[in-house]
Amino acid sequence: MHHFHFETYPATLPLLCLTAQTAVECKIAGGEATSCLSVHAAAVPTGKEILSGEFRYGGKVLFSVICEDAEGQLHRIERGAEFSHAIEDPSLAPSHEGNLRLFVAKTSVRRENGSVYATAIVSAAVEIFAPSELRYLADTDAICRKEEIAASRFVFCSGAIEAEDEFETDYLNDVLSHAEQILVERAECGGGFVTVEGKINLLI
């Protein structure tokens, strides 16, 4: 009779992906704005929670709008609106982890009762990970085939940093619109921390 000894390795494995869309509306201006020339919206997450059969998340949409008044003057108006949403799935459990990404799929502007309203369609992409165990053969006296496999464990972490820079120019009087792009150049794990370096491209 052959001898077999199995052991287990704790792991976190991908379970499923969830997607959803929600509309976020914000009042931009009153009667002083006659028309909107451009609108830019960015969505940032503010919280998330996994319950039995439901994934709840919240965020904030930051609107940056360039409007023209009755005298032809241009104005930059910035507003923010908070929102919350839930995605239902019967396989979700509180022991799961979720990686949430938000992005603005579409923006629109409308006038109603003398006021200007901006709407952003916010898309959410959620990766759900579940704790699991990998069972493997650790010791045996039987003849068996051996091969190496790669086992991964996901550790979730987050953080925020504020960067500031100065622009010196003789031709810039005011910033009417801006857009940002983050480029990650290096991510390195250390003892209990993750170091992330990169660049921020700013378009004004």
C-alpha atoms as a PDB file:
ATOM      1  CA  MET A   1       0.000   0.000   0.000  1.00  0.00           C
ATOM      2  CA  HIS A   2       1.392   3.375  -0.971  1.00  0.00           C
ATOM      3  CA  HIS A   3       1.729   6.301   1.417  1.00  0.00           C
ATOM      4  CA  PHE A   4       0.223   9.706   0.481  1.00  0.00           C
ATOM      5  CA  HIS A   5       0.455  12.913   2.522  1.00  0.00           C
ATOM      6  CA  PHE A   6      -1.408  16.052   1.417  1.00  0.00           C
ATOM      7  CA  GLU A   7      -1.034  19.606   2.653  1.00  0.00           C
ATOM      8  CA  THR A   8      -2.926  22.824   1.929  1.00  0.00           C
ATOM      9  CA  TYR A   9      -1.728  26.276   0.893  1.00  0.00           C
ATOM     10  CA  PRO A  10      -3.926  29.334   1.650  1.00  0.00           C
ATOM     11  CA  ALA A  11      -4.635  31.384  -1.465  1.00  0.00           C
ATOM     12  CA  THR A  12      -6.880  34.099  -2.828  1.00  0.00           C
ATOM     13  CA  LEU A  13      -8.337  33.257  -6.220  1.00  0.00           C
ATOM     14  CA  PRO A  14     -10.350  35.307  -8.740  1.00  0.00           C
ATOM     15  CA  LEU A  15     -14.036  34.470  -8.497  1.00  0.00           C
ATOM     16  CA  LEU A  16     -15.973  36.684 -10.928  1.00  0.00           C
ATOM     17  CA  CYS A  17     -16.167  40.138 -12.509  1.00  0.00           C
ATOM     18  CA  LEU A  18     -19.081  42.540 -12.062  1.00  0.00           C
ATOM     19  CA  THR A  19     -20.016  45.598 -14.102  1.00  0.00           C
ATOM     20  CA  ALA A  20     -22.594  48.340 -13.601  1.00  0.00           C
ATOM     21  CA  GLN A  21     -23.477  51.847 -14.726  1.00  0.00           C
ATOM     22  CA  THR A  22     -25.158  54.696 -12.880  1.00  0.00           C
ATOM     23  CA  ALA A  23     -26.080  58.254 -13.835  1.00  0.00           C
ATOM     24  CA  VAL A  24     -24.835  61.090 -11.615  1.00  0.00           C
ATOM     25  CA  GLU A  25     -26.358  64.541 -12.078  1.00  0.00           C
ATOM     26  CA  CYS A  26     -25.141  67.843 -10.668  1.00  0.00           C
ATOM     27  CA  LYS A  27     -26.446  71.414 -10.874  1.00  0.00           C
ATOM     28  CA  ILE A  28     -23.651  73.494 -12.388  1.00  0.00           C
ATOM     29  CA  ALA A  29     -24.945  77.074 -12.573  1.00  0.00           C
ATOM     30  CA  GLY A  30     -28.028  79.248 -12.467  1.00  0.00           C
ATOM     31  CA  GLY A  31     -29.193  81.897 -14.908  1.00  0.00           C
ATOM     32  CA  GLU A  32     -25.786  83.557 -15.274  1.00  0.00           C
ATOM     33  CA  ALA A  33     -24.569  80.941 -17.762  1.00  0.00           C
ATOM     34  CA  THR A  34     -26.015  81.049 -21.267  1.00  0.00           C
ATOM     35  CA  SER A  35     -24.148  78.108 -22.812  1.00  0.00           C
ATOM     36  CA  CYS A  36     -21.611  75.432 -21.891  1.00  0.00           C
ATOM     37  CA  LEU A  37     -18.613  75.074 -24.188  1.00  0.00           C
ATOM     38  CA  SER A  38     -17.071  71.971 -22.629  1.00  0.00           C
ATOM     39  CA  VAL A  39     -17.547  69.620 -19.700  1.00  0.00           C
ATOM     40  CA  HIS A  40     -15.074  67.213 -18.106  1.00  0.00           C
ATOM     41  CA  ALA A  41     -15.941  64.712 -15.382  1.00  0.00           C
ATOM     42  CA  ALA A  42     -13.797  62.367 -13.301  1.00  0.00           C
ATOM     43  CA  ALA A  43     -15.023  59.647 -10.928  1.00  0.00           C
ATOM     44  CA  VAL A  44     -13.186  58.559  -7.787  1.00  0.00           C
ATOM     45  CA  PRO A  45     -14.291  55.806  -5.352  1.00  0.00           C
ATOM     46  CA  THR A  46     -14.955  56.708  -1.713  1.00  0.00           C
ATOM     47  CA  GLY A  47     -15.912  53.332  -0.229  1.00  0.00           C
ATOM     48  CA  LYS A  48     -16.946  49.739  -0.892  1.00  0.00           C
ATOM     49  CA  GLU A  49     -18.540  46.881   1.033  1.00  0.00           C
ATOM     50  CA  ILE A  50     -19.348  43.269   0.237  1.00  0.00           C
ATOM     51  CA  LEU A  51     -22.450  41.769   1.821  1.00  0.00           C
ATOM     52  CA  SER A  52     -24.262  38.488   1.254  1.00  0.00           C
ATOM     53  CA  GLY A  53     -25.416  38.690  -2.352  1.00  0.00           C
ATOM     54  CA  GLU A  54     -24.568  42.369  -2.811  1.00  0.00           C
ATOM     55  CA  PHE A  55     -21.602  44.623  -3.565  1.00  0.00           C
ATOM     56  CA  ARG A  56     -22.097  48.219  -2.409  1.00  0.00           C
ATOM     57  CA  TYR A  57     -19.859  51.081  -3.426  1.00  0.00           C
ATOM     58  CA  GLY A  58     -19.809  54.839  -3.331  1.00  0.00           C
ATOM     59  CA  GLY A  59     -17.923  57.549  -5.136  1.00  0.00           C
ATOM     60  CA  LYS A  60     -17.670  61.169  -6.081  1.00  0.00           C
ATOM     61  CA  VAL A  61     -17.877  62.767  -9.516  1.00  0.00           C
ATOM     62  CA  LEU A  62     -15.898  65.979 -10.056  1.00  0.00           C
ATOM     63  CA  PHE A  63     -17.278  68.188 -12.839  1.00  0.00           C
ATOM     64  CA  SER A  64     -15.228  70.906 -14.546  1.00  0.00           C
ATOM     65  CA  VAL A  65     -17.309  73.014 -16.945  1.00  0.00           C
ATOM     66  CA  ILE A  66     -16.461  76.005 -19.141  1.00  0.00           C
ATOM     67  CA  CYS A  67     -19.495  78.284 -19.578  1.00  0.00           C
ATOM     68  CA  GLU A  68     -20.139  81.497 -21.470  1.00  0.00           C
ATOM     69  CA  ASP A  69     -22.311  84.251 -19.986  1.00  0.00           C
ATOM     70  CA  ALA A  70     -24.567  86.738 -21.786  1.00  0.00           C
ATOM     71  CA  GLU A  71     -21.648  89.173 -22.276  1.00  0.00           C
ATOM     72  CA  GLY A  72     -19.438  86.568 -23.955  1.00  0.00           C
ATOM     73  CA  GLN A  73     -17.114  86.076 -20.972  1.00  0.00           C
ATOM     74  CA  LEU A  74     -15.776  82.595 -20.263  1.00  0.00           C
ATOM     75  CA  HIS A  75     -16.024  81.114 -16.770  1.00  0.00           C
ATOM     76  CA  ARG A  76     -14.712  77.909 -15.256  1.00  0.00           C
ATOM     77  CA  ILE A  77     -17.095  76.237 -12.823  1.00  0.00           C
ATOM     78  CA  GLU A  78     -16.170  73.203 -10.723  1.00  0.00           C
ATOM     79  CA  ARG A  79     -18.736  71.136  -8.872  1.00  0.00           C
ATOM     80  CA  GLY A  80     -18.853  67.762  -7.163  1.00  0.00           C
ATOM     81  CA  ALA A  81     -21.587  65.205  -6.550  1.00  0.00           C
ATOM     82  CA  GLU A  82     -21.525  62.087  -4.381  1.00  0.00           C
ATOM     83  CA  PHE A  83     -23.294  58.869  -5.326  1.00  0.00           C
ATOM     84  CA  SER A  84     -23.816  55.293  -4.155  1.00  0.00           C
ATOM     85  CA  HIS A  85     -24.783  52.131  -5.987  1.00  0.00           C
ATOM     86  CA  ALA A  86     -25.204  48.390  -5.402  1.00  0.00           C
ATOM     87  CA  ILE A  87     -24.664  45.323  -7.589  1.00  0.00           C
ATOM     88  CA  GLU A  88     -26.525  42.132  -6.724  1.00  0.00           C
ATOM     89  CA  ASP A  89     -25.075  38.662  -7.246  1.00  0.00           C
ATOM     90  CA  PRO A  90     -26.091  35.535  -5.284  1.00  0.00           C
ATOM     91  CA  SER A  91     -22.513  34.211  -5.090  1.00  0.00           C
ATOM     92  CA  LEU A  92     -21.143  37.193  -3.111  1.00  0.00           C
ATOM     93  CA  ALA A  93     -20.159  36.738   0.543  1.00  0.00           C
ATOM     94  CA  PRO A  94     -18.657  39.042   3.228  1.00  0.00           C
ATOM     95  CA  SER A  95     -15.409  37.024   3.170  1.00  0.00           C
ATOM     96  CA  HIS A  96     -14.706  38.114  -0.413  1.00  0.00           C
ATOM     97  CA  GLU A  97     -12.487  40.989  -1.487  1.00  0.00           C
ATOM     98  CA  GLY A  98     -13.289  43.403  -4.293  1.00  0.00           C
ATOM     99  CA  ASN A  99     -11.095  45.519  -6.554  1.00  0.00           C
ATOM    100  CA  LEU A 100     -13.178  48.510  -7.744  1.00  0.00           C
ATOM    101  CA  ARG A 101     -12.412  50.733 -10.741  1.00  0.00           C
ATOM    102  CA  LEU A 102     -14.578  53.692 -11.789  1.00  0.00           C
ATOM    103  CA  PHE A 103     -14.480  55.660 -15.022  1.00  0.00           C
ATOM    104  CA  VAL A 104     -16.764  58.121 -16.777  1.00  0.00           C
ATOM    105  CA  ALA A 105     -18.237  56.648 -19.943  1.00  0.00           C
ATOM    106  CA  LYS A 106     -20.238  59.675 -21.118  1.00  0.00           C
ATOM    107  CA  THR A 107     -21.080  63.255 -20.131  1.00  0.00           C
ATOM    108  CA  SER A 108     -23.961  65.514 -21.157  1.00  0.00           C
ATOM    109  CA  VAL A 109     -25.268  68.991 -20.348  1.00  0.00           C
ATOM    110  CA  ARG A 110     -28.871  70.249 -20.325  1.00  0.00           C
ATOM    111  CA  ARG A 111     -30.736  73.429 -19.387  1.00  0.00           C
ATOM    112  CA  GLU A 112     -33.882  73.340 -17.308  1.00  0.00           C
ATOM    113  CA  ASN A 113     -35.778  76.211 -15.651  1.00  0.00           C
ATOM    114  CA  GLY A 114     -32.915  78.616 -16.257  1.00  0.00           C
ATOM    115  CA  SER A 115     -30.243  76.378 -14.699  1.00  0.00           C
ATOM    116  CA  VAL A 116     -27.501  74.214 -16.193  1.00  0.00           C
ATOM    117  CA  TYR A 117     -27.214  70.550 -15.195  1.00  0.00           C
ATOM    118  CA  ALA A 118     -24.389  68.155 -16.046  1.00  0.00           C
ATOM    119  CA  THR A 119     -24.803  64.387 -16.089  1.00  0.00           C
ATOM    120  CA  ALA A 120     -22.071  61.746 -16.044  1.00  0.00           C
ATOM    121  CA  ILE A 121     -22.587  58.057 -16.794  1.00  0.00           C
ATOM    122  CA  VAL A 122     -20.235  56.300 -14.359  1.00  0.00           C
ATOM    123  CA  SER A 123     -19.167  52.749 -15.197  1.00  0.00           C
ATOM    124  CA  ALA A 124     -17.925  50.413 -12.478  1.00  0.00           C
ATOM    125  CA  ALA A 125     -15.731  47.360 -13.021  1.00  0.00           C
ATOM    126  CA  VAL A 126     -15.354  45.084  -9.988  1.00  0.00           C
ATOM    127  CA  GLU A 127     -13.038  42.082  -9.659  1.00  0.00           C
ATOM    128  CA  ILE A 128     -14.146  39.738  -6.873  1.00  0.00           C
ATOM    129  CA  PHE A 129     -11.573  37.506  -5.131  1.00  0.00           C
ATOM    130  CA  ALA A 130     -12.421  34.636  -2.756  1.00  0.00           C
ATOM    131  CA  PRO A 131     -10.251  32.995  -0.081  1.00  0.00           C
ATOM    132  CA  SER A 132      -9.428  29.435  -0.986  1.00  0.00           C
ATOM    133  CA  GLU A 133      -7.024  26.564  -0.266  1.00  0.00           C
ATOM    134  CA  LEU A 134      -4.811  24.696  -2.703  1.00  0.00           C
ATOM    135  CA  ARG A 135      -4.428  21.010  -1.779  1.00  0.00           C
ATOM    136  CA  TYR A 136      -1.202  19.413  -2.928  1.00  0.00           C
ATOM    137  CA  LEU A 137       0.691  16.173  -2.502  1.00  0.00           C
ATOM    138  CA  ALA A 138       3.565  16.854  -0.091  1.00  0.00           C
ATOM    139  CA  ASP A 139       5.005  13.375   0.446  1.00  0.00           C
ATOM    140  CA  THR A 140       4.568   9.925  -1.046  1.00  0.00           C
ATOM    141  CA  ASP A 141       6.465   6.722  -1.623  1.00  0.00           C
ATOM    142  CA  ALA A 142       4.694   6.085  -4.904  1.00  0.00           C
ATOM    143  CA  ILE A 143       6.072   6.893  -8.303  1.00  0.00           C
ATOM    144  CA  CYS A 144       4.446  10.084  -9.510  1.00  0.00           C
ATOM    145  CA  ARG A 145       5.000  12.836 -12.025  1.00  0.00           C
ATOM    146  CA  LYS A 146       6.281  16.156 -10.672  1.00  0.00           C
ATOM    147  CA  GLU A 147       6.022  19.588 -12.261  1.00  0.00           C
ATOM    148  CA  GLU A 148       6.375  23.137 -11.000  1.00  0.00           C
ATOM    149  CA  ILE A 149       3.338  25.391 -10.833  1.00  0.00           C
ATOM    150  CA  ALA A 150       3.011  29.076  -9.961  1.00  0.00           C
ATOM    151  CA  ALA A 151       0.822  29.919  -6.957  1.00  0.00           C
ATOM    152  CA  SER A 152      -0.204  33.503  -6.251  1.00  0.00           C
ATOM    153  CA  ARG A 153      -1.682  35.288  -3.269  1.00  0.00           C
ATOM    154  CA  PHE A 154      -3.416  38.673  -3.629  1.00  0.00           C
ATOM    155  CA  VAL A 155      -2.935  41.327  -0.959  1.00  0.00           C
ATOM    156  CA  PHE A 156      -5.137  44.419  -1.222  1.00  0.00           C
ATOM    157  CA  CYS A 157      -3.798  47.835  -0.246  1.00  0.00           C
ATOM    158  CA  SER A 158      -4.483  51.453  -1.133  1.00  0.00           C
ATOM    159  CA  GLY A 159      -3.159  54.916  -0.456  1.00  0.00           C
ATOM    160  CA  ALA A 160      -3.250  58.525  -1.568  1.00  0.00           C
ATOM    161  CA  ILE A 161      -0.705  61.274  -2.114  1.00  0.00           C
ATOM    162  CA  GLU A 162      -0.983  64.937  -3.049  1.00  0.00           C
ATOM    163  CA  ALA A 163       1.450  66.382  -5.581  1.00  0.00           C
ATOM    164  CA  GLU A 164       1.966  70.073  -6.286  1.00  0.00           C
ATOM    165  CA  ASP A 165       3.909  71.915  -8.969  1.00  0.00           C
ATOM    166  CA  GLU A 166       4.346  75.506 -10.135  1.00  0.00           C
ATOM    167  CA  PHE A 167       3.886  76.906 -13.637  1.00  0.00           C
ATOM    168  CA  GLU A 168       5.663  80.119 -14.592  1.00  0.00           C
ATOM    169  CA  THR A 169       4.591  81.709 -17.853  1.00  0.00           C
ATOM    170  CA  ASP A 170       3.808  85.169 -19.189  1.00  0.00           C
ATOM    171  CA  TYR A 171       0.962  83.924 -21.373  1.00  0.00           C
ATOM    172  CA  LEU A 172      -1.235  82.154 -18.802  1.00  0.00           C
ATOM    173  CA  ASN A 173      -3.863  84.288 -17.080  1.00  0.00           C
ATOM    174  CA  ASP A 174      -6.330  81.640 -15.931  1.00  0.00           C
ATOM    175  CA  VAL A 175      -6.912  77.895 -16.191  1.00  0.00           C
ATOM    176  CA  LEU A 176     -10.188  77.187 -17.963  1.00  0.00           C
ATOM    177  CA  SER A 177      -9.948  73.425 -18.271  1.00  0.00           C
ATOM    178  CA  HIS A 178      -7.615  70.700 -17.080  1.00  0.00           C
ATOM    179  CA  ALA A 179      -7.143  66.946 -17.443  1.00  0.00           C
ATOM    180  CA  GLU A 180      -4.750  64.595 -15.697  1.00  0.00           C
ATOM    181  CA  GLN A 181      -3.106  61.310 -16.639  1.00  0.00           C
ATOM    182  CA  ILE A 182      -1.149  59.120 -14.211  1.00  0.00           C
ATOM    183  CA  LEU A 183       1.705  56.959 -15.516  1.00  0.00           C
ATOM    184  CA  VAL A 184       3.072  54.313 -13.116  1.00  0.00           C
ATOM    185  CA  GLU A 185       6.759  53.660 -13.824  1.00  0.00           C
ATOM    186  CA  ARG A 186       7.735  51.436 -10.886  1.00  0.00           C
ATOM    187  CA  ALA A 187       5.985  49.445  -8.155  1.00  0.00           C
ATOM    188  CA  GLU A 188       8.118  47.645  -5.572  1.00  0.00           C
ATOM    189  CA  CYS A 189       7.124  45.609  -2.513  1.00  0.00           C
ATOM    190  CA  GLY A 190       8.998  45.957   0.766  1.00  0.00           C
ATOM    191  CA  GLY A 191       8.548  44.849   4.343  1.00  0.00           C
ATOM    192  CA  GLY A 192       4.920  45.763   5.014  1.00  0.00           C
ATOM    193  CA  PHE A 193       4.683  48.469   2.337  1.00  0.00           C
ATOM    194  CA  VAL A 194       4.475  49.067  -1.410  1.00  0.00           C
ATOM    195  CA  THR A 195       6.430  51.851  -3.116  1.00  0.00           C
ATOM    196  CA  VAL A 196       4.883  53.302  -6.258  1.00  0.00           C
ATOM    197  CA  GLU A 197       6.635  55.846  -8.474  1.00  0.00           C
ATOM    198  CA  GLY A 198       5.451  57.543 -11.621  1.00  0.00           C
ATOM    199  CA  LYS A 199       4.558  60.740 -13.439  1.00  0.00           C
ATOM    200  CA  ILE A 200       1.483  62.940 -13.675  1.00  0.00           C
ATOM    201  CA  ASN A 201       0.799  64.520 -17.070  1.00  0.00           C
ATOM    202  CA  LEU A 202      -1.281  67.669 -16.689  1.00  0.00           C
ATOM    203  CA  LEU A 203      -3.097  69.227 -19.640  1.00  0.00           C
ATOM    204  CA  ILE A 204      -4.314  72.801 -19.136  1.00  0.00           C
END
